[in-house]
Amino acid sequence: MKYEHPWVWVELALDNLNMTQKEFADLIGKSPVEVNQIINGKKNITLDWAMKITAVFGWNYKHRLSMQADYDEQEYRKSKKYAEIKKIQEKVKEYHLQTV
């Protein structure tokens, strides 16, 4: 399954409310640049961000954080770092075979 960045929906929700990113940023106490980075998937959110964003739209922050985790995992699996994890798992298997 392919996940899209979970915060792209903020832009659509802002359009529905007829609210600019600057107005939204002012409302939640963040900078317009940070809001734009969130919307464009260039910045991950913290619990603080999730709580503030979902307070505006009535969304469930836990669900949105879960979506963020799914997206992060998807992107991580595409990275070189994931290859390192596979190597570690292979070493663990070898280690267990040697100790048996």
N, C-alpha and C. Protein backbone atom coordinates (compact mmCIF):
# COMPACT_ATOMS: atom_id res chain seq x y z
N MET A 1 0.85 -1.18 0.00
CA MET A 1 0.00 0.00 0.00
C MET A 1 0.89 1.24 0.00
N LYS A 2 0.54 2.22 -0.79
CA LYS A 2 1.32 3.46 -0.86
C LYS A 2 0.59 4.54 -0.06
N TYR A 3 1.34 5.17 0.83
CA TYR A 3 0.77 6.22 1.68
C TYR A 3 1.22 7.58 1.17
N GLU A 4 0.32 8.54 1.19
CA GLU A 4 0.73 9.90 0.90
C GLU A 4 0.95 10.62 2.23
N HIS A 5 1.70 11.70 2.15
CA HIS A 5 1.98 12.43 3.38
C HIS A 5 0.65 12.82 4.04
N PRO A 6 0.46 12.51 5.32
CA PRO A 6 -0.84 12.70 5.96
C PRO A 6 -1.27 14.15 6.16
N TRP A 7 -0.37 15.05 5.96
CA TRP A 7 -0.72 16.45 6.23
C TRP A 7 -1.05 17.24 4.98
N VAL A 8 -1.06 16.58 3.81
CA VAL A 8 -1.47 17.27 2.59
C VAL A 8 -2.93 17.70 2.69
N TRP A 9 -3.67 17.00 3.53
CA TRP A 9 -5.09 17.31 3.70
C TRP A 9 -5.33 18.64 4.39
N VAL A 10 -4.30 19.16 5.06
CA VAL A 10 -4.44 20.45 5.73
C VAL A 10 -4.77 21.53 4.70
N GLU A 11 -4.10 21.49 3.58
CA GLU A 11 -4.34 22.50 2.54
C GLU A 11 -5.79 22.47 2.05
N LEU A 12 -6.31 21.28 1.83
CA LEU A 12 -7.71 21.16 1.39
C LEU A 12 -8.67 21.65 2.47
N ALA A 13 -8.36 21.30 3.70
CA ALA A 13 -9.22 21.74 4.82
C ALA A 13 -9.18 23.26 4.97
N LEU A 14 -8.00 23.85 4.76
CA LEU A 14 -7.90 25.31 4.82
C LEU A 14 -8.73 25.96 3.72
N ASP A 15 -8.69 25.38 2.54
CA ASP A 15 -9.51 25.89 1.43
C ASP A 15 -10.99 25.83 1.78
N ASN A 16 -11.40 24.73 2.40
CA ASN A 16 -12.81 24.59 2.80
C ASN A 16 -13.22 25.63 3.82
N LEU A 17 -12.27 26.02 4.67
CA LEU A 17 -12.56 27.04 5.68
C LEU A 17 -12.32 28.46 5.17
N ASN A 18 -11.83 28.53 3.92
CA ASN A 18 -11.49 29.83 3.34
C ASN A 18 -10.45 30.55 4.20
N MET A 19 -9.45 29.78 4.66
CA MET A 19 -8.43 30.30 5.56
C MET A 19 -7.07 30.20 4.86
N THR A 20 -6.25 31.22 4.98
CA THR A 20 -4.91 31.18 4.40
C THR A 20 -3.97 30.42 5.32
N GLN A 21 -2.83 30.02 4.77
CA GLN A 21 -1.82 29.36 5.59
C GLN A 21 -1.32 30.30 6.68
N LYS A 22 -1.20 31.57 6.37
CA LYS A 22 -0.76 32.55 7.37
C LYS A 22 -1.78 32.66 8.50
N GLU A 23 -3.06 32.73 8.16
CA GLU A 23 -4.10 32.81 9.20
C GLU A 23 -4.06 31.56 10.08
N PHE A 24 -3.90 30.42 9.43
CA PHE A 24 -3.82 29.15 10.15
C PHE A 24 -2.61 29.13 11.08
N ALA A 25 -1.47 29.57 10.55
CA ALA A 25 -0.24 29.61 11.35
C ALA A 25 -0.42 30.50 12.57
N ASP A 26 -1.02 31.66 12.36
CA ASP A 26 -1.27 32.57 13.48
C ASP A 26 -2.20 31.92 14.52
N LEU A 27 -3.20 31.21 14.03
CA LEU A 27 -4.17 30.57 14.92
C LEU A 27 -3.52 29.52 15.82
N ILE A 28 -2.60 28.75 15.26
CA ILE A 28 -1.99 27.67 16.04
C ILE A 28 -0.64 28.04 16.64
N GLY A 29 -0.20 29.27 16.42
CA GLY A 29 1.04 29.73 17.02
C GLY A 29 2.30 29.19 16.36
N LYS A 30 2.23 28.96 15.07
CA LYS A 30 3.39 28.49 14.31
C LYS A 30 3.68 29.49 13.20
N SER A 31 4.82 29.35 12.56
CA SER A 31 5.16 30.26 11.47
C SER A 31 4.54 29.78 10.16
N PRO A 32 4.24 30.70 9.24
CA PRO A 32 3.71 30.30 7.93
C PRO A 32 4.67 29.38 7.18
N VAL A 33 5.97 29.60 7.35
CA VAL A 33 6.96 28.74 6.68
C VAL A 33 6.83 27.30 7.18
N GLU A 34 6.70 27.14 8.49
CA GLU A 34 6.56 25.79 9.06
C GLU A 34 5.28 25.12 8.57
N VAL A 35 4.19 25.88 8.53
CA VAL A 35 2.92 25.33 8.06
C VAL A 35 3.07 24.87 6.62
N ASN A 36 3.70 25.67 5.79
CA ASN A 36 3.90 25.30 4.39
C ASN A 36 4.76 24.05 4.27
N GLN A 37 5.78 23.93 5.11
CA GLN A 37 6.64 22.73 5.09
C GLN A 37 5.84 21.49 5.49
N ILE A 38 4.95 21.63 6.45
CA ILE A 38 4.10 20.51 6.87
C ILE A 38 3.20 20.09 5.71
N ILE A 39 2.53 21.06 5.11
CA ILE A 39 1.59 20.77 4.03
C ILE A 39 2.29 20.10 2.85
N ASN A 40 3.52 20.51 2.58
CA ASN A 40 4.26 19.97 1.44
C ASN A 40 5.06 18.73 1.77
N GLY A 41 4.89 18.21 2.98
CA GLY A 41 5.56 16.97 3.36
C GLY A 41 7.05 17.11 3.56
N LYS A 42 7.52 18.32 3.79
CA LYS A 42 8.95 18.54 3.98
C LYS A 42 9.34 18.56 5.45
N LYS A 43 8.35 18.49 6.31
CA LYS A 43 8.60 18.50 7.75
C LYS A 43 7.62 17.54 8.39
N ASN A 44 8.15 16.69 9.27
CA ASN A 44 7.28 15.80 10.02
C ASN A 44 6.72 16.55 11.22
N ILE A 45 5.65 16.04 11.71
CA ILE A 45 4.99 16.71 12.83
C ILE A 45 5.33 16.04 14.15
N THR A 46 5.24 16.82 15.17
CA THR A 46 5.40 16.33 16.54
C THR A 46 3.99 16.17 17.13
N LEU A 47 3.93 15.65 18.32
CA LEU A 47 2.65 15.55 19.01
C LEU A 47 2.03 16.94 19.17
N ASP A 48 2.86 17.91 19.50
CA ASP A 48 2.37 19.29 19.65
C ASP A 48 1.70 19.78 18.37
N TRP A 49 2.38 19.57 17.25
CA TRP A 49 1.79 19.96 15.96
C TRP A 49 0.46 19.23 15.72
N ALA A 50 0.47 17.95 15.93
CA ALA A 50 -0.74 17.15 15.67
C ALA A 50 -1.91 17.63 16.52
N MET A 51 -1.64 17.91 17.77
CA MET A 51 -2.71 18.37 18.66
C MET A 51 -3.27 19.71 18.19
N LYS A 52 -2.39 20.61 17.78
CA LYS A 52 -2.84 21.93 17.34
C LYS A 52 -3.59 21.87 16.02
N ILE A 53 -3.05 21.12 15.08
CA ILE A 53 -3.70 21.02 13.76
C ILE A 53 -5.07 20.37 13.89
N THR A 54 -5.13 19.27 14.61
CA THR A 54 -6.41 18.55 14.71
C THR A 54 -7.43 19.30 15.55
N ALA A 55 -6.97 20.17 16.45
CA ALA A 55 -7.90 21.00 17.22
C ALA A 55 -8.69 21.93 16.31
N VAL A 56 -8.03 22.39 15.25
CA VAL A 56 -8.69 23.30 14.31
C VAL A 56 -9.74 22.56 13.47
N PHE A 57 -9.40 21.36 13.01
CA PHE A 57 -10.26 20.66 12.06
C PHE A 57 -11.16 19.59 12.69
N GLY A 58 -10.94 19.30 13.97
CA GLY A 58 -11.76 18.28 14.62
C GLY A 58 -11.34 16.87 14.27
N TRP A 59 -10.14 16.72 13.75
CA TRP A 59 -9.63 15.40 13.42
C TRP A 59 -9.10 14.71 14.67
N ASN A 60 -8.90 13.41 14.57
CA ASN A 60 -8.34 12.62 15.65
C ASN A 60 -6.81 12.66 15.55
N TYR A 61 -6.15 13.23 16.54
CA TYR A 61 -4.70 13.38 16.47
C TYR A 61 -3.98 12.04 16.46
N LYS A 62 -4.51 11.04 17.19
CA LYS A 62 -3.86 9.73 17.22
C LYS A 62 -3.90 9.08 15.84
N HIS A 63 -5.01 9.22 15.16
CA HIS A 63 -5.13 8.67 13.81
C HIS A 63 -4.13 9.35 12.88
N ARG A 64 -4.01 10.66 12.98
CA ARG A 64 -3.08 11.40 12.12
C ARG A 64 -1.63 11.04 12.43
N LEU A 65 -1.31 10.85 13.70
CA LEU A 65 0.05 10.43 14.05
C LEU A 65 0.34 9.02 13.53
N SER A 66 -0.67 8.17 13.57
CA SER A 66 -0.52 6.82 13.02
C SER A 66 -0.28 6.88 11.51
N MET A 67 -1.00 7.76 10.83
CA MET A 67 -0.80 7.95 9.40
C MET A 67 0.62 8.45 9.14
N GLN A 68 1.10 9.35 9.99
CA GLN A 68 2.47 9.86 9.85
C GLN A 68 3.47 8.72 10.01
N ALA A 69 3.24 7.86 10.99
CA ALA A 69 4.15 6.72 11.22
C ALA A 69 4.15 5.78 10.02
N ASP A 70 2.99 5.51 9.45
CA ASP A 70 2.92 4.65 8.26
C ASP A 70 3.69 5.27 7.10
N TYR A 71 3.50 6.56 6.92
CA TYR A 71 4.21 7.27 5.84
C TYR A 71 5.72 7.23 6.09
N ASP A 72 6.13 7.50 7.33
CA ASP A 72 7.55 7.49 7.66
C ASP A 72 8.17 6.13 7.40
N GLU A 73 7.45 5.07 7.77
CA GLU A 73 7.96 3.71 7.54
C GLU A 73 8.12 3.45 6.05
N GLN A 74 7.13 3.85 5.28
CA GLN A 74 7.19 3.67 3.83
C GLN A 74 8.43 4.36 3.25
N GLU A 75 8.67 5.58 3.67
CA GLU A 75 9.82 6.34 3.16
C GLU A 75 11.14 5.74 3.67
N TYR A 76 11.15 5.27 4.90
CA TYR A 76 12.35 4.66 5.48
C TYR A 76 12.74 3.41 4.71
N ARG A 77 11.74 2.61 4.35
CA ARG A 77 12.01 1.37 3.62
C ARG A 77 12.63 1.64 2.24
N LYS A 78 12.46 2.84 1.73
CA LYS A 78 13.06 3.22 0.45
C LYS A 78 14.50 3.72 0.62
N SER A 79 14.89 4.00 1.83
CA SER A 79 16.19 4.63 2.09
C SER A 79 17.31 3.60 2.24
N LYS A 80 18.53 4.12 2.18
CA LYS A 80 19.70 3.27 2.38
C LYS A 80 19.76 2.74 3.81
N LYS A 81 19.19 3.48 4.73
CA LYS A 81 19.20 3.06 6.14
C LYS A 81 18.48 1.72 6.31
N TYR A 82 17.45 1.49 5.50
CA TYR A 82 16.71 0.24 5.64
C TYR A 82 17.58 -0.95 5.25
N ALA A 83 18.46 -0.78 4.29
CA ALA A 83 19.38 -1.85 3.91
C ALA A 83 20.25 -2.23 5.11
N GLU A 84 20.61 -1.26 5.93
CA GLU A 84 21.39 -1.53 7.13
C GLU A 84 20.59 -2.39 8.11
N ILE A 85 19.30 -2.14 8.19
CA ILE A 85 18.44 -2.94 9.08
C ILE A 85 18.42 -4.39 8.62
N LYS A 86 18.33 -4.59 7.32
CA LYS A 86 18.32 -5.96 6.78
C LYS A 86 19.64 -6.67 7.13
N LYS A 87 20.75 -5.95 7.06
CA LYS A 87 22.05 -6.54 7.42
C LYS A 87 22.08 -6.92 8.89
N ILE A 88 21.55 -6.06 9.72
CA ILE A 88 21.50 -6.36 11.16
C ILE A 88 20.67 -7.61 11.40
N GLN A 89 19.53 -7.71 10.74
CA GLN A 89 18.67 -8.88 10.91
C GLN A 89 19.38 -10.16 10.48
N GLU A 90 20.15 -10.09 9.41
CA GLU A 90 20.90 -11.26 8.95
C GLU A 90 21.97 -11.64 9.97
N LYS A 91 22.64 -10.65 10.55
CA LYS A 91 23.65 -10.92 11.57
C LYS A 91 23.03 -11.57 12.80
N VAL A 92 21.85 -11.11 13.16
CA VAL A 92 21.15 -11.69 14.31
C VAL A 92 20.82 -13.16 14.03
N LYS A 93 20.36 -13.46 12.83
CA LYS A 93 20.05 -14.85 12.46
C LYS A 93 21.31 -15.70 12.56
N GLU A 94 22.43 -15.20 12.02
CA GLU A 94 23.69 -15.93 12.09
C GLU A 94 24.12 -16.15 13.53
N TYR A 95 23.98 -15.15 14.35
CA TYR A 95 24.35 -15.23 15.74
C TYR A 95 23.55 -16.33 16.44
N HIS A 96 22.24 -16.35 16.20
CA HIS A 96 21.39 -17.37 16.82
C HIS A 96 21.75 -18.78 16.33
N LEU A 97 22.11 -18.89 15.08
CA LEU A 97 22.50 -20.20 14.57
C LEU A 97 23.79 -20.70 15.21
N GLN A 98 24.70 -19.76 15.50
CA GLN A 98 25.97 -20.12 16.13
C GLN A 98 25.82 -20.49 17.59
N THR A 99 24.82 -19.95 18.24
CA THR A 99 24.65 -20.21 19.68
C THR A 99 23.79 -21.42 19.97
N VAL A 100 23.23 -22.01 18.94
CA VAL A 100 22.36 -23.19 19.15
C VAL A 100 23.15 -24.45 19.13
